[in-house]
């Protein structure tokens, strides 16, 4: 088993210090539904992300308890449906 890097150690430490808060059930259900719908998907894409964005999305997915690919798919789906808005809106 490979050794944990600094960021992974910080995540584990913050979890053990009970610094994490569970998301509401409503958002979890939306994400579960997106995961369920992912079995219907038939297109694959490749994207390039900055290392920071990649790590951040993995952390968010971990917080939600879902794979990061599912979270990305959910974000794209919500954006296409007009459910994601800019902070200023």
PDB file of N, CA and C in Angstrom:
ATOM      1  N   UNK A   1       0.841  -1.177   0.000  1.00  0.00           N
ATOM      2  CA  UNK A   1       0.000   0.000   0.000  1.00  0.00           C
ATOM      3  C   UNK A   1       0.882   1.235   0.000  1.00  0.00           C
ATOM      4  N   UNK A   2       0.552   2.215  -0.842  1.00  0.00           N
ATOM      5  CA  UNK A   2       1.395   3.401  -0.928  1.00  0.00           C
ATOM      6  C   UNK A   2       1.161   4.307   0.272  1.00  0.00           C
ATOM      7  N   UNK A   3       2.172   5.086   0.602  1.00  0.00           N
ATOM      8  CA  UNK A   3       2.071   6.020   1.725  1.00  0.00           C
ATOM      9  C   UNK A   3       1.157   7.176   1.359  1.00  0.00           C
ATOM     10  N   UNK A   4       0.494   7.726   2.356  1.00  0.00           N
ATOM     11  CA  UNK A   4      -0.395   8.854   2.127  1.00  0.00           C
ATOM     12  C   UNK A   4       0.414  10.121   1.906  1.00  0.00           C
ATOM     13  N   UNK A   5      -0.069  10.975   0.996  1.00  0.00           N
ATOM     14  CA  UNK A   5       0.606  12.258   0.816  1.00  0.00           C
ATOM     15  C   UNK A   5       0.092  13.258   1.854  1.00  0.00           C
ATOM     16  N   UNK A   6       0.661  14.442   1.859  1.00  0.00           N
ATOM     17  CA  UNK A   6       0.334  15.458   2.862  1.00  0.00           C
ATOM     18  C   UNK A   6      -1.159  15.794   2.861  1.00  0.00           C
ATOM     19  N   UNK A   7      -1.720  15.984   1.671  1.00  0.00           N
ATOM     20  CA  UNK A   7      -3.133  16.355   1.574  1.00  0.00           C
ATOM     21  C   UNK A   7      -4.042  15.241   2.093  1.00  0.00           C
ATOM     22  N   UNK A   8      -3.718  14.003   1.772  1.00  0.00           N
ATOM     23  CA  UNK A   8      -4.515  12.872   2.253  1.00  0.00           C
ATOM     24  C   UNK A   8      -4.456  12.780   3.777  1.00  0.00           C
ATOM     25  N   UNK A   9      -3.270  13.010   4.337  1.00  0.00           N
ATOM     26  CA  UNK A   9      -3.120  12.994   5.794  1.00  0.00           C
ATOM     27  C   UNK A   9      -3.947  14.100   6.438  1.00  0.00           C
ATOM     28  N   UNK A  10      -3.967  15.293   5.817  1.00  0.00           N
ATOM     29  CA  UNK A  10      -4.755  16.406   6.346  1.00  0.00           C
ATOM     30  C   UNK A  10      -6.247  16.084   6.313  1.00  0.00           C
ATOM     31  N   UNK A  11      -6.696  15.433   5.255  1.00  0.00           N
ATOM     32  CA  UNK A  11      -8.110  15.057   5.145  1.00  0.00           C
ATOM     33  C   UNK A  11      -8.481  14.071   6.246  1.00  0.00           C
ATOM     34  N   UNK A  12      -7.648  13.071   6.425  1.00  0.00           N
ATOM     35  CA  UNK A  12      -7.915  12.077   7.476  1.00  0.00           C
ATOM     36  C   UNK A  12      -7.915  12.736   8.845  1.00  0.00           C
ATOM     37  N   UNK A  13      -6.950  13.625   9.081  1.00  0.00           N
ATOM     38  CA  UNK A  13      -6.878  14.316  10.374  1.00  0.00           C
ATOM     39  C   UNK A  13      -8.122  15.170  10.610  1.00  0.00           C
ATOM     40  N   UNK A  14      -8.570  15.885   9.587  1.00  0.00           N
ATOM     41  CA  UNK A  14      -9.759  16.729   9.761  1.00  0.00           C
ATOM     42  C   UNK A  14     -11.001  15.873  10.011  1.00  0.00           C
ATOM     43  N   UNK A  15     -11.066  14.713   9.366  1.00  0.00           N
ATOM     44  CA  UNK A  15     -12.185  13.790   9.593  1.00  0.00           C
ATOM     45  C   UNK A  15     -12.158  13.269  11.028  1.00  0.00           C
ATOM     46  N   UNK A  16     -10.985  12.864  11.467  1.00  0.00           N
ATOM     47  CA  UNK A  16     -10.862  12.337  12.829  1.00  0.00           C
ATOM     48  C   UNK A  16     -11.139  13.400  13.887  1.00  0.00           C
ATOM     49  N   UNK A  17     -10.904  14.675  13.552  1.00  0.00           N
ATOM     50  CA  UNK A  17     -11.203  15.780  14.469  1.00  0.00           C
ATOM     51  C   UNK A  17     -12.665  16.225  14.374  1.00  0.00           C
ATOM     52  N   UNK A  18     -13.460  15.444  13.642  1.00  0.00           N
ATOM     53  CA  UNK A  18     -14.901  15.696  13.464  1.00  0.00           C
ATOM     54  C   UNK A  18     -15.192  17.084  12.905  1.00  0.00           C
ATOM     55  N   UNK A  19     -14.356  17.499  11.933  1.00  0.00           N
ATOM     56  CA  UNK A  19     -14.540  18.794  11.287  1.00  0.00           C
ATOM     57  C   UNK A  19     -15.470  18.712  10.081  1.00  0.00           C
ATOM     58  N   UNK A  20     -15.914  17.515   9.745  1.00  0.00           N
ATOM     59  CA  UNK A  20     -16.762  17.320   8.571  1.00  0.00           C
ATOM     60  C   UNK A  20     -18.219  17.300   8.995  1.00  0.00           C
ATOM     61  N   UNK A  21     -19.058  17.879   8.158  1.00  0.00           N
ATOM     62  CA  UNK A  21     -20.489  17.924   8.418  1.00  0.00           C
ATOM     63  C   UNK A  21     -21.196  17.225   7.263  1.00  0.00           C
ATOM     64  N   UNK A  22     -22.125  16.366   7.603  1.00  0.00           N
ATOM     65  CA  UNK A  22     -22.864  15.651   6.578  1.00  0.00           C
ATOM     66  C   UNK A  22     -23.752  16.611   5.788  1.00  0.00           C
ATOM     67  N   UNK A  23     -23.841  16.397   4.498  1.00  0.00           N
ATOM     68  CA  UNK A  23     -24.733  17.193   3.658  1.00  0.00           C
ATOM     69  C   UNK A  23     -26.175  16.774   3.920  1.00  0.00           C
ATOM     70  N   UNK A  24     -27.089  17.644   3.571  1.00  0.00           N
ATOM     71  CA  UNK A  24     -28.498  17.339   3.748  1.00  0.00           C
ATOM     72  C   UNK A  24     -28.928  16.167   2.896  1.00  0.00           C
ATOM     73  N   UNK A  25     -29.965  15.492   3.325  1.00  0.00           N
ATOM     74  CA  UNK A  25     -30.449  14.309   2.606  1.00  0.00           C
ATOM     75  C   UNK A  25     -30.960  14.664   1.212  1.00  0.00           C
ATOM     76  N   UNK A  26     -31.495  15.886   1.035  1.00  0.00           N
ATOM     77  CA  UNK A  26     -32.036  16.265  -0.273  1.00  0.00           C
ATOM     78  C   UNK A  26     -30.935  16.262  -1.337  1.00  0.00           C
ATOM     79  N   UNK A  27     -29.795  16.872  -1.033  1.00  0.00           N
ATOM     80  CA  UNK A  27     -28.698  16.908  -2.009  1.00  0.00           C
ATOM     81  C   UNK A  27     -28.152  15.499  -2.237  1.00  0.00           C
ATOM     82  N   UNK A  28     -28.098  14.702  -1.178  1.00  0.00           N
ATOM     83  CA  UNK A  28     -27.615  13.329  -1.333  1.00  0.00           C
ATOM     84  C   UNK A  28     -28.535  12.537  -2.247  1.00  0.00           C
ATOM     85  N   UNK A  29     -29.833  12.754  -2.119  1.00  0.00           N
ATOM     86  CA  UNK A  29     -30.783  12.030  -2.969  1.00  0.00           C
ATOM     87  C   UNK A  29     -30.630  12.452  -4.428  1.00  0.00           C
ATOM     88  N   UNK A  30     -30.402  13.753  -4.672  1.00  0.00           N
ATOM     89  CA  UNK A  30     -30.183  14.224  -6.043  1.00  0.00           C
ATOM     90  C   UNK A  30     -28.952  13.560  -6.646  1.00  0.00           C
ATOM     91  N   UNK A  31     -27.906  13.463  -5.849  1.00  0.00           N
ATOM     92  CA  UNK A  31     -26.667  12.869  -6.338  1.00  0.00           C
ATOM     93  C   UNK A  31     -26.844  11.369  -6.549  1.00  0.00           C
ATOM     94  N   UNK A  32     -27.575  10.723  -5.650  1.00  0.00           N
ATOM     95  CA  UNK A  32     -27.853   9.288  -5.834  1.00  0.00           C
ATOM     96  C   UNK A  32     -28.621   9.056  -7.140  1.00  0.00           C
ATOM     97  N   UNK A  33     -29.587   9.941  -7.399  1.00  0.00           N
ATOM     98  CA  UNK A  33     -30.379   9.821  -8.626  1.00  0.00           C
ATOM     99  C   UNK A  33     -29.488  10.015  -9.851  1.00  0.00           C
ATOM    100  N   UNK A  34     -28.578  10.984  -9.765  1.00  0.00           N
ATOM    101  CA  UNK A  34     -27.647  11.199 -10.877  1.00  0.00           C
ATOM    102  C   UNK A  34     -26.780   9.969 -11.088  1.00  0.00           C
ATOM    103  N   UNK A  35     -26.349   9.353  -9.987  1.00  0.00           N
ATOM    104  CA  UNK A  35     -25.543   8.128 -10.092  1.00  0.00           C
ATOM    105  C   UNK A  35     -26.352   7.015 -10.738  1.00  0.00           C
ATOM    106  N   UNK A  36     -27.611   6.897 -10.326  1.00  0.00           N
ATOM    107  CA  UNK A  36     -28.477   5.870 -10.901  1.00  0.00           C
ATOM    108  C   UNK A  36     -28.661   6.108 -12.396  1.00  0.00           C
ATOM    109  N   UNK A  37     -28.850   7.373 -12.762  1.00  0.00           N
ATOM    110  CA  UNK A  37     -29.029   7.708 -14.170  1.00  0.00           C
ATOM    111  C   UNK A  37     -27.760   7.503 -14.987  1.00  0.00           C
ATOM    112  N   UNK A  38     -26.626   7.447 -14.288  1.00  0.00           N
ATOM    113  CA  UNK A  38     -25.369   7.297 -15.012  1.00  0.00           C
ATOM    114  C   UNK A  38     -25.288   5.972 -15.756  1.00  0.00           C
ATOM    115  N   UNK A  39     -26.081   5.002 -15.351  1.00  0.00           N
ATOM    116  CA  UNK A  39     -26.072   3.730 -16.068  1.00  0.00           C
ATOM    117  C   UNK A  39     -26.707   3.874 -17.447  1.00  0.00           C
ATOM    118  N   UNK A  40     -27.446   4.960 -17.650  1.00  0.00           N
ATOM    119  CA  UNK A  40     -28.086   5.197 -18.932  1.00  0.00           C
ATOM    120  C   UNK A  40     -27.179   5.938 -19.909  1.00  0.00           C
ATOM    121  N   UNK A  41     -26.037   6.389 -19.434  1.00  0.00           N
ATOM    122  CA  UNK A  41     -25.151   7.207 -20.248  1.00  0.00           C
ATOM    123  C   UNK A  41     -24.427   6.346 -21.264  1.00  0.00           C
ATOM    124  N   UNK A  42     -24.251   6.922 -22.449  1.00  0.00           N
ATOM    125  CA  UNK A  42     -23.582   6.163 -23.491  1.00  0.00           C
ATOM    126  C   UNK A  42     -22.462   6.946 -24.164  1.00  0.00           C
ATOM    127  N   UNK A  43     -22.102   8.094 -23.626  1.00  0.00           N
ATOM    128  CA  UNK A  43     -21.019   8.899 -24.192  1.00  0.00           C
ATOM    129  C   UNK A  43     -19.931   9.090 -23.162  1.00  0.00           C
ATOM    130  N   UNK A  44     -18.721   9.028 -23.616  1.00  0.00           N
ATOM    131  CA  UNK A  44     -17.568   9.208 -22.751  1.00  0.00           C
ATOM    132  C   UNK A  44     -16.795  10.426 -23.243  1.00  0.00           C
ATOM    133  N   UNK A  45     -16.292  11.227 -22.309  1.00  0.00           N
ATOM    134  CA  UNK A  45     -15.469  12.379 -22.680  1.00  0.00           C
ATOM    135  C   UNK A  45     -14.189  12.357 -21.854  1.00  0.00           C
ATOM    136  N   UNK A  46     -13.201  13.047 -22.344  1.00  0.00           N
ATOM    137  CA  UNK A  46     -11.969  13.276 -21.596  1.00  0.00           C
ATOM    138  C   UNK A  46     -11.820  14.771 -21.413  1.00  0.00           C
ATOM    139  N   UNK A  47     -11.473  15.191 -20.213  1.00  0.00           N
ATOM    140  CA  UNK A  47     -11.238  16.611 -19.962  1.00  0.00           C
ATOM    141  C   UNK A  47      -9.922  16.760 -19.218  1.00  0.00           C
ATOM    142  N   UNK A  48      -9.345  17.923 -19.343  1.00  0.00           N
ATOM    143  CA  UNK A  48      -8.122  18.232 -18.614  1.00  0.00           C
ATOM    144  C   UNK A  48      -8.473  19.255 -17.546  1.00  0.00           C
ATOM    145  N   UNK A  49      -8.001  18.992 -16.328  1.00  0.00           N
ATOM    146  CA  UNK A  49      -8.242  19.871 -15.192  1.00  0.00           C
ATOM    147  C   UNK A  49      -6.917  20.261 -14.573  1.00  0.00           C
ATOM    148  N   UNK A  50      -6.919  21.379 -13.880  1.00  0.00           N
ATOM    149  CA  UNK A  50      -5.739  21.708 -13.097  1.00  0.00           C
ATOM    150  C   UNK A  50      -5.652  20.707 -11.945  1.00  0.00           C
ATOM    151  N   UNK A  51      -4.472  20.525 -11.421  1.00  0.00           N
ATOM    152  CA  UNK A  51      -4.284  19.605 -10.295  1.00  0.00           C
ATOM    153  C   UNK A  51      -5.163  20.020  -9.126  1.00  0.00           C
ATOM    154  N   UNK A  52      -5.242  21.329  -8.857  1.00  0.00           N
ATOM    155  CA  UNK A  52      -6.044  21.832  -7.743  1.00  0.00           C
ATOM    156  C   UNK A  52      -7.528  21.529  -7.941  1.00  0.00           C
ATOM    157  N   UNK A  53      -8.053  21.799  -9.139  1.00  0.00           N
ATOM    158  CA  UNK A  53      -9.464  21.500  -9.405  1.00  0.00           C
ATOM    159  C   UNK A  53      -9.741  20.014  -9.264  1.00  0.00           C
ATOM    160  N   UNK A  54      -8.815  19.196  -9.755  1.00  0.00           N
ATOM    161  CA  UNK A  54      -8.980  17.745  -9.661  1.00  0.00           C
ATOM    162  C   UNK A  54      -9.045  17.299  -8.199  1.00  0.00           C
ATOM    163  N   UNK A  55      -8.131  17.788  -7.391  1.00  0.00           N
ATOM    164  CA  UNK A  55      -8.116  17.418  -5.969  1.00  0.00           C
ATOM    165  C   UNK A  55      -9.360  17.942  -5.263  1.00  0.00           C
ATOM    166  N   UNK A  56      -9.752  19.194  -5.570  1.00  0.00           N
ATOM    167  CA  UNK A  56     -10.933  19.787  -4.935  1.00  0.00           C
ATOM    168  C   UNK A  56     -12.203  19.000  -5.254  1.00  0.00           C
ATOM    169  N   UNK A  57     -12.358  18.575  -6.500  1.00  0.00           N
ATOM    170  CA  UNK A  57     -13.566  17.827  -6.870  1.00  0.00           C
ATOM    171  C   UNK A  57     -13.549  16.456  -6.203  1.00  0.00           C
ATOM    172  N   UNK A  58     -12.367  15.864  -6.049  1.00  0.00           N
ATOM    173  CA  UNK A  58     -12.284  14.585  -5.345  1.00  0.00           C
ATOM    174  C   UNK A  58     -12.693  14.753  -3.881  1.00  0.00           C
ATOM    175  N   UNK A  59     -12.279  15.839  -3.255  1.00  0.00           N
ATOM    176  CA  UNK A  59     -12.643  16.095  -1.860  1.00  0.00           C
ATOM    177  C   UNK A  59     -14.150  16.295  -1.734  1.00  0.00           C
ATOM    178  N   UNK A  60     -14.724  17.102  -2.631  1.00  0.00           N
ATOM    179  CA  UNK A  60     -16.181  17.324  -2.604  1.00  0.00           C
ATOM    180  C   UNK A  60     -16.931  16.006  -2.772  1.00  0.00           C
ATOM    181  N   UNK A  61     -16.465  15.180  -3.691  1.00  0.00           N
ATOM    182  CA  UNK A  61     -17.118  13.889  -3.921  1.00  0.00           C
ATOM    183  C   UNK A  61     -17.000  13.007  -2.686  1.00  0.00           C
ATOM    184  N   UNK A  62     -15.841  13.035  -2.050  1.00  0.00           N
ATOM    185  CA  UNK A  62     -15.644  12.247  -0.838  1.00  0.00           C
ATOM    186  C   UNK A  62     -16.611  12.719   0.252  1.00  0.00           C
ATOM    187  N   UNK A  63     -16.787  14.027   0.355  1.00  0.00           N
ATOM    188  CA  UNK A  63     -17.724  14.582   1.340  1.00  0.00           C
ATOM    189  C   UNK A  63     -19.144  14.084   1.085  1.00  0.00           C
ATOM    190  N   UNK A  64     -19.490  13.921  -0.187  1.00  0.00           N
ATOM    191  CA  UNK A  64     -20.824  13.467  -0.559  1.00  0.00           C
ATOM    192  C   UNK A  64     -20.947  11.951  -0.556  1.00  0.00           C
ATOM    193  N   UNK A  65     -19.814  11.276  -0.510  1.00  0.00           N
ATOM    194  CA  UNK A  65     -19.831   9.816  -0.496  1.00  0.00           C
ATOM    195  C   UNK A  65     -20.123   9.201  -1.851  1.00  0.00           C
ATOM    196  N   UNK A  66     -19.678   9.887  -2.917  1.00  0.00           N
ATOM    197  CA  UNK A  66     -19.918   9.406  -4.277  1.00  0.00           C
ATOM    198  C   UNK A  66     -18.622   9.472  -5.075  1.00  0.00           C
ATOM    199  N   UNK A  67     -18.538   8.751  -6.191  1.00  0.00           N
ATOM    200  CA  UNK A  67     -17.359   8.863  -7.055  1.00  0.00           C
ATOM    201  C   UNK A  67     -17.273  10.265  -7.669  1.00  0.00           C
ATOM    202  N   UNK A  68     -16.045  10.747  -7.874  1.00  0.00           N
ATOM    203  CA  UNK A  68     -15.896  12.099  -8.400  1.00  0.00           C
ATOM    204  C   UNK A  68     -16.451  12.236  -9.818  1.00  0.00           C
ATOM    205  N   UNK A  69     -16.417  11.162 -10.614  1.00  0.00           N
ATOM    206  CA  UNK A  69     -16.979  11.229 -11.964  1.00  0.00           C
ATOM    207  C   UNK A  69     -18.488  11.466 -11.901  1.00  0.00           C
ATOM    208  N   UNK A  70     -19.145  10.866 -10.931  1.00  0.00           N
ATOM    209  CA  UNK A  70     -20.583  11.052 -10.755  1.00  0.00           C
ATOM    210  C   UNK A  70     -20.887  12.487 -10.366  1.00  0.00           C
ATOM    211  N   UNK A  71     -20.068  13.060  -9.494  1.00  0.00           N
ATOM    212  CA  UNK A  71     -20.264  14.452  -9.097  1.00  0.00           C
ATOM    213  C   UNK A  71     -20.103  15.387 -10.293  1.00  0.00           C
ATOM    214  N   UNK A  72     -19.067  15.162 -11.100  1.00  0.00           N
ATOM    215  CA  UNK A  72     -18.858  15.995 -12.285  1.00  0.00           C
ATOM    216  C   UNK A  72     -20.047  15.878 -13.226  1.00  0.00           C
ATOM    217  N   UNK A  73     -20.527  14.663 -13.424  1.00  0.00           N
ATOM    218  CA  UNK A  73     -21.687  14.448 -14.286  1.00  0.00           C
ATOM    219  C   UNK A  73     -22.913  15.173 -13.749  1.00  0.00           C
ATOM    220  N   UNK A  74     -23.102  15.129 -12.431  1.00  0.00           N
ATOM    221  CA  UNK A  74     -24.232  15.807 -11.805  1.00  0.00           C
ATOM    222  C   UNK A  74     -24.143  17.315 -12.000  1.00  0.00           C
ATOM    223  N   UNK A  75     -22.957  17.862 -11.864  1.00  0.00           N
ATOM    224  CA  UNK A  75     -22.759  19.307 -12.054  1.00  0.00           C
ATOM    225  C   UNK A  75     -23.098  19.699 -13.486  1.00  0.00           C
ATOM    226  N   UNK A  76     -22.612  18.934 -14.447  1.00  0.00           N
ATOM    227  CA  UNK A  76     -22.898  19.230 -15.859  1.00  0.00           C
ATOM    228  C   UNK A  76     -24.393  19.132 -16.128  1.00  0.00           C
ATOM    229  N   UNK A  77     -25.027  18.091 -15.584  1.00  0.00           N
ATOM    230  CA  UNK A  77     -26.464  17.910 -15.777  1.00  0.00           C
ATOM    231  C   UNK A  77     -27.251  19.108 -15.210  1.00  0.00           C
ATOM    232  N   UNK A  78     -26.908  19.516 -14.004  1.00  0.00           N
ATOM    233  CA  UNK A  78     -27.596  20.649 -13.382  1.00  0.00           C
ATOM    234  C   UNK A  78     -27.362  21.934 -14.166  1.00  0.00           C
ATOM    235  N   UNK A  79     -26.148  22.125 -14.672  1.00  0.00           N
ATOM    236  CA  UNK A  79     -25.852  23.309 -15.479  1.00  0.00           C
ATOM    237  C   UNK A  79     -26.712  23.321 -16.742  1.00  0.00           C
ATOM    238  N   UNK A  80     -26.800  22.188 -17.409  1.00  0.00           N
ATOM    239  CA  UNK A  80     -27.601  22.096 -18.632  1.00  0.00           C
ATOM    240  C   UNK A  80     -29.083  22.340 -18.382  1.00  0.00           C
ATOM    241  N   UNK A  81     -29.564  21.960 -17.188  1.00  0.00           N
ATOM    242  CA  UNK A  81     -30.971  22.179 -16.849  1.00  0.00           C
ATOM    243  C   UNK A  81     -31.223  23.594 -16.317  1.00  0.00           C
ATOM    244  N   UNK A  82     -30.166  24.397 -16.200  1.00  0.00           N
ATOM    245  CA  UNK A  82     -30.300  25.767 -15.694  1.00  0.00           C
ATOM    246  C   UNK A  82     -30.420  25.835 -14.181  1.00  0.00           C
ATOM    247  N   UNK A  83     -30.016  24.774 -13.500  1.00  0.00           N
ATOM    248  CA  UNK A  83     -30.129  24.725 -12.051  1.00  0.00           C
ATOM    249  C   UNK A  83     -28.915  25.295 -11.335  1.00  0.00           C
ATOM    250  N   UNK A  84     -27.818  25.508 -12.064  1.00  0.00           N
ATOM    251  CA  UNK A  84     -26.637  26.117 -11.470  1.00  0.00           C
ATOM    252  C   UNK A  84     -26.602  27.576 -11.881  1.00  0.00           C
ATOM    253  N   UNK A  85     -26.415  28.442 -10.926  1.00  0.00           N
ATOM    254  CA  UNK A  85     -26.388  29.877 -11.185  1.00  0.00           C
ATOM    255  C   UNK A  85     -25.074  30.458 -10.701  1.00  0.00           C
ATOM    256  N   UNK A  86     -24.689  31.582 -11.287  1.00  0.00           N
ATOM    257  CA  UNK A  86     -23.515  32.293 -10.808  1.00  0.00           C
ATOM    258  C   UNK A  86     -23.803  32.831  -9.417  1.00  0.00           C
ATOM    259  N   UNK A  87     -22.752  33.012  -8.612  1.00  0.00           N
ATOM    260  CA  UNK A  87     -22.912  33.533  -7.251  1.00  0.00           C
ATOM    261  C   UNK A  87     -23.617  34.883  -7.233  1.00  0.00           C
ATOM    262  N   UNK A  88     -23.415  35.692  -8.269  1.00  0.00           N
ATOM    263  CA  UNK A  88     -23.987  37.034  -8.297  1.00  0.00           C
ATOM    264  C   UNK A  88     -25.463  37.046  -8.647  1.00  0.00           C
ATOM    265  N   UNK A  89     -26.024  35.921  -9.071  1.00  0.00           N
ATOM    266  CA  UNK A  89     -27.443  35.884  -9.462  1.00  0.00           C
ATOM    267  C   UNK A  89     -28.346  35.636  -8.285  1.00  0.00           C
TER     268      UNK A  89
END
